[in-house]
Amino acid sequence: MEKDLDYYLNLDWTLVEGEDLDFEGKVYHYIEIKEIPSFVFCAKTIEKARENYKRQLKLTLMVMLESGEHIVEPGEEEDEPDWESLCP
């Protein structure tokens, strides 16, 4: 099976939803994707975030595919870092 953009867009990503305050103290809502640490989408309401995060996901996946970056899929075990080589 070819793992193209459509393949990745239809995976069951692990969404992390939350809310925070902007610089003016107003509440905004965000969606992160556990498997893609660099991904975050923000909106004024959680409903808008849920409606629109897939457009940002599509762009993120396009860049990752074009650059040949490994895309961690839902359920895929990430390799544990070799802590001894990272920490002297």
Protein backbone atom coordinates (compact mmCIF):
# COMPACT_ATOMS: atom_id res chain seq x y z
CA MET A 1 0.00 0.00 0.00
CA GLU A 2 1.31 3.42 -0.95
CA LYS A 3 1.39 5.79 1.99
CA ASP A 4 0.41 9.02 0.30
CA LEU A 5 -1.24 12.17 1.60
CA ASP A 6 -4.75 10.64 1.52
CA TYR A 7 -3.51 7.64 3.50
CA TYR A 8 -2.14 9.86 6.26
CA LEU A 9 -5.13 12.22 6.30
CA ASN A 10 -7.43 9.29 7.04
CA LEU A 11 -5.51 7.88 10.00
CA ASP A 12 -7.07 7.96 13.46
CA TRP A 13 -4.75 10.59 14.93
CA THR A 14 -4.57 11.10 18.70
CA LEU A 15 -6.01 14.58 19.24
CA VAL A 16 -5.16 16.55 22.35
CA GLU A 17 -7.61 19.39 22.94
CA GLY A 18 -7.12 22.25 25.34
CA GLU A 19 -7.57 25.91 26.01
CA ASP A 20 -5.29 28.74 27.02
CA LEU A 21 -5.22 32.52 27.18
CA ASP A 22 -3.84 34.76 24.45
CA PHE A 23 -1.71 37.86 25.14
CA GLU A 24 -4.84 39.90 25.82
CA GLY A 25 -6.21 37.38 28.34
CA LYS A 26 -8.87 36.00 25.98
CA VAL A 27 -9.53 32.27 25.86
CA TYR A 28 -8.57 30.33 22.75
CA HIS A 29 -8.82 26.61 22.02
CA TYR A 30 -6.20 24.40 20.48
CA ILE A 31 -5.79 20.94 19.03
CA GLU A 32 -2.46 19.14 19.08
CA ILE A 33 -1.70 15.77 17.51
CA LYS A 34 0.25 13.47 19.80
CA GLU A 35 2.06 11.73 16.96
CA ILE A 36 3.18 15.02 15.34
CA PRO A 37 4.78 17.11 18.12
CA SER A 38 5.18 20.16 15.86
CA PHE A 39 1.44 20.32 15.08
CA VAL A 40 -0.95 22.72 16.80
CA PHE A 41 -4.09 24.43 15.52
CA CYS A 42 -5.80 27.29 17.39
CA ALA A 43 -9.28 28.82 17.13
CA LYS A 44 -11.64 30.97 19.18
CA THR A 45 -13.95 28.00 19.91
CA ILE A 46 -13.33 24.27 20.20
CA GLU A 47 -16.01 23.70 17.56
CA LYS A 48 -14.08 25.84 15.06
CA ALA A 49 -10.85 24.10 15.96
CA ARG A 50 -12.45 20.69 15.34
CA GLU A 51 -13.95 21.88 12.05
CA ASN A 52 -10.75 23.36 10.65
CA TYR A 53 -7.66 21.57 12.05
CA LYS A 54 -7.57 19.14 9.11
CA ARG A 55 -6.59 21.92 6.69
CA GLN A 56 -3.50 22.63 8.79
CA LEU A 57 -2.86 18.89 9.15
CA LYS A 58 -2.92 18.52 5.37
CA LEU A 59 -0.30 21.25 4.94
CA THR A 60 1.87 19.80 7.71
CA LEU A 61 1.74 16.31 6.19
CA MET A 62 2.52 17.68 2.71
CA VAL A 63 5.71 19.31 4.04
CA MET A 64 6.68 16.17 5.96
CA LEU A 65 6.16 13.96 2.91
CA GLU A 66 8.06 16.32 0.60
CA SER A 67 11.01 16.48 2.99
CA GLY A 68 11.07 12.70 3.45
CA GLU A 69 10.48 13.04 7.18
CA HIS A 70 9.32 9.90 9.01
CA ILE A 71 5.65 10.26 10.00
CA VAL A 72 4.83 8.43 13.22
CA GLU A 73 1.46 6.75 12.78
CA PRO A 74 -1.10 6.26 15.54
CA GLY A 75 -0.20 3.12 17.49
CA GLU A 76 3.37 3.07 16.19
CA GLU A 77 5.88 2.69 18.98
CA GLU A 78 8.46 5.43 18.97
CA ASP A 79 12.02 4.32 19.52
CA GLU A 80 13.20 5.04 23.05
CA PRO A 81 16.13 7.45 22.94
CA ASP A 82 19.54 6.11 23.92
CA TRP A 83 19.73 8.19 27.10
CA GLU A 84 23.33 7.17 27.85
CA SER A 85 24.56 8.68 24.61
CA LEU A 86 22.44 11.82 25.09
CA CYS A 87 23.37 12.47 28.71
CA PRO A 88 27.05 12.28 29.63
